[in-house]
Amino acid sequence: MKNRWLIRVGCVAAVVLLSMTCVAGAGNVGSEADPLVTYSYVNETFKNEVISDANGGFVLVTLNKGQVLNGEIGTEVLLRVGTAQCMAKSSPGLIDTTDASTINDGTALKKNHLYMMTIEDRGVKATASTVKVLVRGSYTVSQ
């Protein structure tokens, strides 16, 4: 009976001693002198992912009059500043997800409406001197 009690006390003491050693050894990890992640890593890699996620994955693109933003299938565009029109070789041109409707080639985009390109060779042509659109997805800009 006495041996069992000594074994239990010994095990508890060993666990406590081991825990204190681990805590003491990890005391400086994550301090300013020994950071877990470097500041440059956060700024160069992780910061862009966080900003992109915070913006919902949208990128602000500025177009000059006559420039065309062509998107791949699934690309979304939101007109913020200026005027622009749909560029498409066939119907439907763009899907207006805000109104649950479609627009065709030459139709003006409405500000603050979200448009999706669901077919290849779809785009948005800037008709004002400065046009700003939010874009989510793959795109190219041409004259």
N, C-alpha and C. Protein backbone atom coordinates (compact mmCIF):
# COMPACT_ATOMS: atom_id res chain seq x y z
N MET A 1 0.81 -1.18 0.00
CA MET A 1 0.00 0.00 0.00
C MET A 1 0.87 1.26 0.00
N LYS A 2 1.94 1.21 0.83
CA LYS A 2 2.83 2.35 0.92
C LYS A 2 3.60 2.55 -0.38
N ASN A 3 3.93 1.45 -1.07
CA ASN A 3 4.66 1.54 -2.33
C ASN A 3 3.82 2.21 -3.42
N ARG A 4 2.53 1.89 -3.48
CA ARG A 4 1.65 2.50 -4.47
C ARG A 4 1.58 4.01 -4.25
N TRP A 5 1.48 4.41 -3.01
CA TRP A 5 1.41 5.83 -2.70
C TRP A 5 2.71 6.53 -3.11
N LEU A 6 3.84 5.95 -2.88
CA LEU A 6 5.13 6.52 -3.27
C LEU A 6 5.27 6.59 -4.79
N ILE A 7 4.78 5.57 -5.48
CA ILE A 7 4.84 5.57 -6.95
C ILE A 7 3.97 6.70 -7.51
N ARG A 8 2.79 6.89 -6.96
CA ARG A 8 1.90 7.96 -7.43
C ARG A 8 2.51 9.33 -7.18
N VAL A 9 3.07 9.55 -6.03
CA VAL A 9 3.72 10.83 -5.70
C VAL A 9 4.91 11.05 -6.61
N GLY A 10 5.65 10.02 -6.87
CA GLY A 10 6.81 10.12 -7.76
C GLY A 10 6.41 10.48 -9.18
N CYS A 11 5.34 9.87 -9.68
CA CYS A 11 4.85 10.17 -11.04
C CYS A 11 4.36 11.61 -11.13
N VAL A 12 3.61 12.07 -10.14
CA VAL A 12 3.12 13.45 -10.14
C VAL A 12 4.29 14.42 -10.10
N ALA A 13 5.28 14.14 -9.28
CA ALA A 13 6.45 15.01 -9.18
C ALA A 13 7.22 15.05 -10.49
N ALA A 14 7.33 13.91 -11.17
CA ALA A 14 8.03 13.86 -12.46
C ALA A 14 7.28 14.68 -13.52
N VAL A 15 5.96 14.57 -13.55
CA VAL A 15 5.16 15.34 -14.50
C VAL A 15 5.30 16.83 -14.23
N VAL A 16 5.25 17.24 -12.97
CA VAL A 16 5.39 18.65 -12.62
C VAL A 16 6.77 19.15 -13.00
N LEU A 17 7.81 18.39 -12.73
CA LEU A 17 9.18 18.79 -13.05
C LEU A 17 9.36 18.90 -14.56
N LEU A 18 8.82 17.96 -15.32
CA LEU A 18 8.91 17.99 -16.78
C LEU A 18 8.16 19.20 -17.35
N SER A 19 6.99 19.51 -16.82
CA SER A 19 6.21 20.67 -17.28
C SER A 19 6.95 21.96 -17.02
N MET A 20 7.56 22.09 -15.85
CA MET A 20 8.30 23.31 -15.52
C MET A 20 9.51 23.47 -16.43
N THR A 21 10.16 22.39 -16.79
CA THR A 21 11.32 22.44 -17.68
C THR A 21 10.89 22.91 -19.07
N CYS A 22 9.77 22.40 -19.58
CA CYS A 22 9.28 22.81 -20.91
C CYS A 22 8.90 24.28 -20.93
N VAL A 23 8.23 24.75 -19.89
CA VAL A 23 7.83 26.16 -19.82
C VAL A 23 9.05 27.05 -19.75
N ALA A 24 10.03 26.69 -18.97
CA ALA A 24 11.24 27.50 -18.83
C ALA A 24 12.02 27.54 -20.13
N GLY A 25 12.05 26.42 -20.86
CA GLY A 25 12.78 26.35 -22.12
C GLY A 25 12.12 27.15 -23.23
N ALA A 26 10.82 27.27 -23.18
CA ALA A 26 10.09 28.00 -24.22
C ALA A 26 9.86 29.45 -23.86
N GLY A 27 10.45 29.94 -22.84
CA GLY A 27 10.22 31.30 -22.37
C GLY A 27 10.59 32.39 -23.36
N ASN A 28 11.64 32.19 -24.17
CA ASN A 28 12.10 33.23 -25.08
C ASN A 28 11.56 33.08 -26.50
N VAL A 29 10.90 31.98 -26.80
CA VAL A 29 10.37 31.76 -28.14
C VAL A 29 9.22 32.72 -28.39
N GLY A 30 9.28 33.39 -29.51
CA GLY A 30 8.23 34.33 -29.85
C GLY A 30 8.45 35.73 -29.31
N SER A 31 9.60 35.95 -28.68
CA SER A 31 9.90 37.29 -28.18
C SER A 31 10.41 38.16 -29.32
N GLU A 32 10.65 39.40 -29.05
CA GLU A 32 11.15 40.31 -30.08
C GLU A 32 12.53 39.88 -30.56
N ALA A 33 13.34 39.30 -29.68
CA ALA A 33 14.68 38.85 -30.05
C ALA A 33 14.63 37.57 -30.87
N ASP A 34 13.61 36.74 -30.68
CA ASP A 34 13.49 35.47 -31.39
C ASP A 34 12.04 35.29 -31.85
N PRO A 35 11.63 36.01 -32.93
CA PRO A 35 10.23 35.95 -33.36
C PRO A 35 9.88 34.60 -33.99
N LEU A 36 8.63 34.24 -33.86
CA LEU A 36 8.15 33.03 -34.52
C LEU A 36 8.08 33.22 -36.03
N VAL A 37 7.66 34.42 -36.47
CA VAL A 37 7.57 34.77 -37.88
C VAL A 37 8.24 36.12 -38.05
N THR A 38 9.05 36.26 -39.10
CA THR A 38 9.73 37.53 -39.31
C THR A 38 8.79 38.57 -39.90
N TYR A 39 9.07 39.80 -39.64
CA TYR A 39 8.27 40.92 -40.14
C TYR A 39 8.27 40.95 -41.66
N SER A 40 9.42 40.69 -42.28
CA SER A 40 9.51 40.71 -43.74
C SER A 40 8.66 39.60 -44.36
N TYR A 41 8.60 38.44 -43.72
CA TYR A 41 7.77 37.34 -44.24
C TYR A 41 6.29 37.75 -44.25
N VAL A 42 5.86 38.35 -43.16
CA VAL A 42 4.46 38.77 -43.07
C VAL A 42 4.15 39.80 -44.15
N ASN A 43 5.02 40.78 -44.34
CA ASN A 43 4.79 41.84 -45.32
C ASN A 43 4.87 41.35 -46.75
N GLU A 44 5.80 40.46 -47.05
CA GLU A 44 6.01 40.04 -48.44
C GLU A 44 5.09 38.92 -48.90
N THR A 45 4.67 38.06 -48.00
CA THR A 45 3.87 36.92 -48.42
C THR A 45 2.45 36.95 -47.88
N PHE A 46 2.34 37.02 -46.62
CA PHE A 46 1.05 36.84 -45.98
C PHE A 46 0.15 38.07 -46.09
N LYS A 47 0.73 39.25 -46.12
CA LYS A 47 -0.05 40.50 -46.14
C LYS A 47 -0.95 40.58 -47.37
N ASN A 48 -0.43 40.23 -48.55
CA ASN A 48 -1.24 40.30 -49.77
C ASN A 48 -2.42 39.33 -49.71
N GLU A 49 -2.21 38.15 -49.13
CA GLU A 49 -3.31 37.19 -49.00
C GLU A 49 -4.39 37.73 -48.08
N VAL A 50 -3.99 38.35 -47.00
CA VAL A 50 -4.97 38.89 -46.05
C VAL A 50 -5.74 40.03 -46.67
N ILE A 51 -5.05 40.93 -47.35
CA ILE A 51 -5.72 42.06 -47.99
C ILE A 51 -6.66 41.57 -49.08
N SER A 52 -6.22 40.60 -49.86
CA SER A 52 -7.07 40.05 -50.91
C SER A 52 -8.32 39.42 -50.33
N ASP A 53 -8.17 38.66 -49.25
CA ASP A 53 -9.33 38.04 -48.61
C ASP A 53 -10.24 39.09 -47.99
N ALA A 54 -9.66 40.13 -47.42
CA ALA A 54 -10.46 41.18 -46.80
C ALA A 54 -11.28 41.93 -47.85
N ASN A 55 -10.74 42.05 -49.06
CA ASN A 55 -11.45 42.72 -50.14
C ASN A 55 -12.37 41.77 -50.90
N GLY A 56 -12.49 40.57 -50.44
CA GLY A 56 -13.30 39.60 -51.14
C GLY A 56 -12.62 39.08 -52.39
N GLY A 57 -11.31 39.27 -52.50
CA GLY A 57 -10.57 38.82 -53.67
C GLY A 57 -10.60 39.81 -54.82
N PHE A 58 -11.21 40.97 -54.64
CA PHE A 58 -11.29 41.97 -55.71
C PHE A 58 -10.01 42.78 -55.83
N VAL A 59 -9.70 43.18 -57.06
CA VAL A 59 -8.55 44.04 -57.36
C VAL A 59 -9.09 45.27 -58.07
N LEU A 60 -8.61 46.46 -57.68
CA LEU A 60 -9.04 47.70 -58.33
C LEU A 60 -8.23 47.88 -59.61
N VAL A 61 -8.92 48.02 -60.74
CA VAL A 61 -8.28 48.22 -62.04
C VAL A 61 -8.76 49.55 -62.61
N THR A 62 -7.81 50.38 -63.05
CA THR A 62 -8.14 51.67 -63.66
C THR A 62 -7.95 51.55 -65.17
N LEU A 63 -8.97 51.93 -65.92
CA LEU A 63 -8.93 51.88 -67.38
C LEU A 63 -9.05 53.30 -67.94
N ASN A 64 -8.38 53.54 -69.07
CA ASN A 64 -8.53 54.80 -69.80
C ASN A 64 -9.52 54.58 -70.94
N LYS A 65 -10.05 55.66 -71.46
CA LYS A 65 -11.06 55.57 -72.51
C LYS A 65 -10.55 54.71 -73.67
N GLY A 66 -11.38 53.75 -74.08
CA GLY A 66 -11.04 52.87 -75.19
C GLY A 66 -10.38 51.56 -74.78
N GLN A 67 -9.84 51.48 -73.58
CA GLN A 67 -9.23 50.24 -73.13
C GLN A 67 -10.31 49.20 -72.83
N VAL A 68 -9.97 47.94 -73.07
CA VAL A 68 -10.92 46.85 -72.85
C VAL A 68 -10.33 45.88 -71.84
N LEU A 69 -11.13 45.55 -70.84
CA LEU A 69 -10.76 44.54 -69.87
C LEU A 69 -11.46 43.24 -70.30
N ASN A 70 -10.66 42.25 -70.67
CA ASN A 70 -11.19 40.95 -71.08
C ASN A 70 -11.00 39.96 -69.95
N GLY A 71 -12.06 39.27 -69.59
CA GLY A 71 -11.99 38.32 -68.48
C GLY A 71 -12.18 36.89 -68.94
N GLU A 72 -11.61 35.97 -68.18
CA GLU A 72 -11.83 34.56 -68.44
C GLU A 72 -13.19 34.15 -67.87
N ILE A 73 -13.61 32.94 -68.16
CA ILE A 73 -14.88 32.45 -67.66
C ILE A 73 -14.86 32.48 -66.13
N GLY A 74 -15.90 33.07 -65.55
CA GLY A 74 -16.01 33.17 -64.10
C GLY A 74 -15.51 34.49 -63.53
N THR A 75 -14.90 35.32 -64.34
CA THR A 75 -14.41 36.61 -63.85
C THR A 75 -15.59 37.53 -63.55
N GLU A 76 -15.47 38.27 -62.44
CA GLU A 76 -16.53 39.19 -62.02
C GLU A 76 -16.01 40.63 -62.07
N VAL A 77 -16.87 41.55 -62.47
CA VAL A 77 -16.51 42.96 -62.62
C VAL A 77 -17.58 43.81 -61.95
N LEU A 78 -17.13 44.85 -61.24
CA LEU A 78 -18.05 45.79 -60.59
C LEU A 78 -17.59 47.20 -60.96
N LEU A 79 -18.42 47.94 -61.70
CA LEU A 79 -18.10 49.31 -62.10
C LEU A 79 -18.24 50.25 -60.92
N ARG A 80 -17.17 51.00 -60.61
CA ARG A 80 -17.19 51.92 -59.48
C ARG A 80 -17.17 53.39 -59.93
N VAL A 81 -16.32 53.73 -60.91
CA VAL A 81 -16.16 55.12 -61.34
C VAL A 81 -16.17 55.17 -62.86
N GLY A 82 -16.85 56.16 -63.41
CA GLY A 82 -16.86 56.35 -64.86
C GLY A 82 -17.98 55.57 -65.53
N THR A 83 -17.83 55.40 -66.85
CA THR A 83 -18.82 54.65 -67.62
C THR A 83 -18.10 53.60 -68.46
N ALA A 84 -18.80 52.49 -68.71
CA ALA A 84 -18.24 51.41 -69.51
C ALA A 84 -19.37 50.65 -70.18
N GLN A 85 -19.01 49.89 -71.21
CA GLN A 85 -20.02 49.10 -71.91
C GLN A 85 -19.54 47.67 -72.10
N CYS A 86 -20.49 46.80 -72.32
CA CYS A 86 -20.21 45.38 -72.53
C CYS A 86 -19.61 45.17 -73.92
N MET A 87 -18.62 44.30 -74.00
CA MET A 87 -18.01 43.90 -75.27
C MET A 87 -18.19 42.39 -75.41
N ALA A 88 -18.98 41.97 -76.40
CA ALA A 88 -19.23 40.55 -76.60
C ALA A 88 -19.55 40.28 -78.06
N LYS A 89 -19.11 39.12 -78.55
CA LYS A 89 -19.36 38.74 -79.94
C LYS A 89 -20.70 38.05 -80.12
N SER A 90 -21.30 37.58 -79.02
CA SER A 90 -22.59 36.90 -79.10
C SER A 90 -23.37 37.16 -77.81
N SER A 91 -24.59 36.67 -77.77
CA SER A 91 -25.43 36.87 -76.59
C SER A 91 -25.41 35.62 -75.73
N PRO A 92 -25.53 35.70 -74.45
CA PRO A 92 -25.53 36.92 -73.65
C PRO A 92 -24.11 37.46 -73.50
N GLY A 93 -24.03 38.77 -73.32
CA GLY A 93 -22.72 39.39 -73.15
C GLY A 93 -22.19 39.16 -71.74
N LEU A 94 -22.85 39.76 -70.78
CA LEU A 94 -22.48 39.60 -69.37
C LEU A 94 -23.73 39.27 -68.56
N ILE A 95 -23.53 38.59 -67.45
CA ILE A 95 -24.62 38.30 -66.54
C ILE A 95 -24.59 39.35 -65.44
N ASP A 96 -25.70 40.08 -65.28
CA ASP A 96 -25.83 41.06 -64.19
C ASP A 96 -26.37 40.29 -62.98
N THR A 97 -25.47 39.92 -62.07
CA THR A 97 -25.90 39.13 -60.92
C THR A 97 -26.68 39.95 -59.91
N THR A 98 -26.58 41.27 -59.98
CA THR A 98 -27.35 42.13 -59.09
C THR A 98 -28.83 42.12 -59.45
N ASP A 99 -29.12 42.22 -60.76
CA ASP A 99 -30.50 42.22 -61.24
C ASP A 99 -30.99 40.85 -61.70
N ALA A 100 -30.12 39.87 -61.73
CA ALA A 100 -30.45 38.54 -62.27
C ALA A 100 -30.93 38.67 -63.71
N SER A 101 -30.12 39.41 -64.51
CA SER A 101 -30.47 39.62 -65.91
C SER A 101 -29.19 39.51 -66.75
N THR A 102 -29.34 39.72 -68.05
CA THR A 102 -28.18 39.70 -68.95
C THR A 102 -28.11 41.01 -69.71
N ILE A 103 -26.89 41.35 -70.16
CA ILE A 103 -26.72 42.51 -71.04
C ILE A 103 -25.94 42.04 -72.26
N ASN A 104 -26.13 42.73 -73.37
CA ASN A 104 -25.51 42.35 -74.64
C ASN A 104 -24.46 43.36 -75.06
N ASP A 105 -23.79 43.08 -76.17
CA ASP A 105 -22.73 43.93 -76.70
C ASP A 105 -23.21 45.37 -76.86
N GLY A 106 -22.40 46.31 -76.35
CA GLY A 106 -22.70 47.73 -76.48
C GLY A 106 -23.57 48.31 -75.38
N THR A 107 -24.13 47.47 -74.54
CA THR A 107 -24.99 47.94 -73.44
C THR A 107 -24.12 48.52 -72.32
N ALA A 108 -24.56 49.66 -71.79
CA ALA A 108 -23.81 50.31 -70.71
C ALA A 108 -23.94 49.51 -69.42
N LEU A 109 -22.84 49.46 -68.66
CA LEU A 109 -22.84 48.83 -67.35
C LEU A 109 -23.40 49.82 -66.33
N LYS A 110 -24.10 49.32 -65.34
CA LYS A 110 -24.62 50.16 -64.26
C LYS A 110 -23.60 50.16 -63.13
N LYS A 111 -23.44 51.33 -62.50
CA LYS A 111 -22.52 51.42 -61.37
C LYS A 111 -23.02 50.55 -60.22
N ASN A 112 -22.05 49.96 -59.53
CA ASN A 112 -22.29 49.14 -58.35
C ASN A 112 -23.11 47.88 -58.63
N HIS A 113 -23.13 47.43 -59.87
CA HIS A 113 -23.74 46.15 -60.23
C HIS A 113 -22.62 45.16 -60.48
N LEU A 114 -22.81 43.94 -60.02
CA LEU A 114 -21.81 42.90 -60.20
C LEU A 114 -22.13 42.11 -61.46
N TYR A 115 -21.16 42.07 -62.39
CA TYR A 115 -21.32 41.35 -63.66
C TYR A 115 -20.38 40.16 -63.70
N MET A 116 -20.86 39.07 -64.30
CA MET A 116 -20.03 37.87 -64.43
C MET A 116 -19.88 37.51 -65.90
N MET A 117 -18.66 37.10 -66.25
CA MET A 117 -18.36 36.64 -67.61
C MET A 117 -18.46 35.12 -67.61
N THR A 118 -19.48 34.59 -68.29
CA THR A 118 -19.71 33.15 -68.26
C THR A 118 -19.36 32.46 -69.57
N ILE A 119 -18.95 33.24 -70.56
CA ILE A 119 -18.56 32.71 -71.86
C ILE A 119 -17.24 33.40 -72.25
N GLU A 120 -16.41 32.71 -73.02
CA GLU A 120 -15.13 33.29 -73.46
C GLU A 120 -15.36 34.53 -74.33
N ASP A 121 -14.32 35.33 -74.47
CA ASP A 121 -14.33 36.55 -75.29
C ASP A 121 -15.36 37.56 -74.84
N ARG A 122 -15.42 37.79 -73.54
CA ARG A 122 -16.29 38.81 -72.98
C ARG A 122 -15.41 39.87 -72.35
N GLY A 123 -15.89 41.11 -72.38
CA GLY A 123 -15.10 42.17 -71.78
C GLY A 123 -15.92 43.40 -71.46
N VAL A 124 -15.20 44.39 -70.94
CA VAL A 124 -15.78 45.67 -70.55
C VAL A 124 -14.91 46.75 -71.18
N LYS A 125 -15.53 47.65 -71.96
CA LYS A 125 -14.81 48.73 -72.63
C LYS A 125 -15.07 50.04 -71.91
N ALA A 126 -13.99 50.76 -71.58
CA ALA A 126 -14.10 52.05 -70.90
C ALA A 126 -14.61 53.09 -71.90
N THR A 127 -15.67 53.82 -71.53
CA THR A 127 -16.21 54.86 -72.40
C THR A 127 -16.02 56.25 -71.80
N ALA A 128 -15.43 56.34 -70.62
CA ALA A 128 -15.10 57.62 -69.99
C ALA A 128 -13.57 57.73 -69.93
N SER A 129 -13.08 58.95 -69.67
CA SER A 129 -11.63 59.15 -69.64
C SER A 129 -10.96 58.33 -68.55
N THR A 130 -11.61 58.16 -67.42
CA THR A 130 -11.08 57.32 -66.34
C THR A 130 -12.20 56.43 -65.83
N VAL A 131 -11.93 55.14 -65.83
CA VAL A 131 -12.91 54.16 -65.36
C VAL A 131 -12.22 53.28 -64.32
N LYS A 132 -12.88 53.08 -63.20
CA LYS A 132 -12.36 52.19 -62.16
C LYS A 132 -13.34 51.06 -61.94
N VAL A 133 -12.82 49.85 -62.04
CA VAL A 133 -13.64 48.65 -61.82
C VAL A 133 -12.95 47.76 -60.80
N LEU A 134 -13.76 47.06 -60.03
CA LEU A 134 -13.24 46.02 -59.15
C LEU A 134 -13.37 44.72 -59.92
N VAL A 135 -12.29 43.94 -59.93
CA VAL A 135 -12.27 42.70 -60.70
C VAL A 135 -11.88 41.55 -59.79
N ARG A 136 -12.61 40.45 -59.90
CA ARG A 136 -12.24 39.21 -59.19
C ARG A 136 -12.16 38.12 -60.24
N GLY A 137 -10.95 37.58 -60.42
CA GLY A 137 -10.72 36.54 -61.43
C GLY A 137 -9.60 36.95 -62.36
N SER A 138 -9.35 36.12 -63.37
CA SER A 138 -8.27 36.36 -64.33
C SER A 138 -8.75 37.31 -65.43
N TYR A 139 -7.87 38.25 -65.79
CA TYR A 139 -8.23 39.23 -66.80
C TYR A 139 -6.99 39.76 -67.50
N THR A 140 -7.21 40.40 -68.67
CA THR A 140 -6.17 41.13 -69.37
C THR A 140 -6.75 42.46 -69.79
N VAL A 141 -5.87 43.46 -69.99
CA VAL A 141 -6.30 44.78 -70.43
C VAL A 141 -5.64 45.06 -71.77
N SER A 142 -6.45 45.48 -72.77
CA SER A 142 -5.91 45.80 -74.09
C SER A 142 -6.49 47.12 -74.58
N GLN A 143 -5.90 47.64 -75.66
CA GLN A 143 -6.36 48.92 -76.22
C GLN A 143 -7.55 48.75 -77.10
